[in-house]
Amino acid sequence: MSEEPVPYTITDAGALALRVTELEHILRHFDRASMDLHLYVRGVDKMPTPEEWGLIRAQIQEMVDAYGPRNPNR
């Protein structure tokens, strides 16, 4: 083992921990929203009506934006 210093400071480790916490929050939101969408779509018989398509689109917009999975805090 080398005796070189660890490249992270305590501040960096704290920032990384906060980022991990934020990502876990986003994933929980994404998981919950995708399950809601999955359950809703399973309940749709045949081709969705325009109103059903509107609900499906709204649920997808809740999960993602132009940059990927949506941050629920925005």
Protein backbone atom coordinates (compact mmCIF):
# COMPACT_ATOMS: atom_id res chain seq x y z
CA MET A 1 0.00 0.00 0.00
CA SER A 2 1.17 3.47 -0.73
CA GLU A 3 1.20 6.23 1.84
CA GLU A 4 -0.16 8.84 -0.58
CA PRO A 5 -2.93 11.08 0.76
CA VAL A 6 -6.53 10.39 -0.13
CA PRO A 7 -7.57 12.79 -2.92
CA TYR A 8 -10.89 13.72 -1.23
CA THR A 9 -11.29 16.18 1.58
CA ILE A 10 -14.04 16.00 4.18
CA THR A 11 -15.91 18.72 2.29
CA ASP A 12 -15.75 16.66 -0.91
CA ALA A 13 -17.02 13.58 0.93
CA GLY A 14 -19.90 15.61 2.40
CA ALA A 15 -20.79 16.99 -1.01
CA LEU A 16 -20.72 13.49 -2.48
CA ALA A 17 -22.98 12.21 0.31
CA LEU A 18 -25.46 15.02 -0.37
CA ARG A 19 -25.41 14.22 -4.10
CA VAL A 20 -26.06 10.53 -3.41
CA THR A 21 -28.98 11.48 -1.15
CA GLU A 22 -30.39 13.73 -3.89
CA LEU A 23 -30.05 10.99 -6.50
CA GLU A 24 -31.78 8.48 -4.22
CA HIS A 25 -34.66 10.97 -3.84
CA ILE A 26 -34.92 11.38 -7.62
CA LEU A 27 -34.88 7.60 -8.15
CA ARG A 28 -37.62 7.05 -5.55
CA HIS A 29 -39.76 9.65 -7.33
CA PHE A 30 -39.01 8.08 -10.73
CA ASP A 31 -39.78 4.59 -9.42
CA ARG A 32 -43.09 5.72 -7.90
CA ALA A 33 -44.13 7.66 -11.02
CA SER A 34 -43.21 4.79 -13.36
CA MET A 35 -45.22 2.34 -11.25
CA ASP A 36 -48.23 4.70 -11.35
CA LEU A 37 -47.91 4.86 -15.15
CA HIS A 38 -47.51 1.07 -15.40
CA LEU A 39 -50.64 0.45 -13.33
CA TYR A 40 -52.65 3.05 -15.25
CA VAL A 41 -51.66 1.65 -18.67
CA ARG A 42 -52.51 -1.91 -17.57
CA GLY A 43 -56.04 -0.67 -16.81
CA VAL A 44 -56.56 0.78 -20.30
CA ASP A 45 -58.52 -1.55 -22.59
CA LYS A 46 -57.76 -1.57 -26.33
CA MET A 47 -56.67 1.77 -27.79
CA PRO A 48 -56.60 4.67 -25.33
CA THR A 49 -59.09 7.48 -25.83
CA PRO A 50 -57.77 11.02 -26.32
CA GLU A 51 -58.41 11.69 -22.62
CA GLU A 52 -56.48 8.55 -21.62
CA TRP A 53 -53.60 9.55 -23.92
CA GLY A 54 -53.57 12.93 -22.20
CA LEU A 55 -53.25 11.28 -18.78
CA ILE A 56 -50.49 8.99 -20.05
CA ARG A 57 -48.57 11.94 -21.50
CA ALA A 58 -48.96 13.90 -18.26
CA GLN A 59 -47.58 10.99 -16.25
CA ILE A 60 -44.61 10.64 -18.59
CA GLN A 61 -43.93 14.39 -18.37
CA GLU A 62 -43.89 14.02 -14.58
CA MET A 63 -41.08 11.47 -14.88
CA VAL A 64 -38.82 12.96 -17.56
CA ASP A 65 -37.92 16.27 -19.13
CA ALA A 66 -35.68 17.18 -22.06
CA TYR A 67 -32.59 16.22 -20.05
CA GLY A 68 -33.67 12.80 -18.79
CA PRO A 69 -35.18 11.75 -15.46
CA ARG A 70 -36.86 14.79 -13.95
CA ASN A 71 -35.79 16.20 -10.61
CA PRO A 72 -38.94 16.27 -8.48
CA ASN A 73 -37.70 19.39 -6.68
CA ARG A 74 -37.96 21.59 -9.79
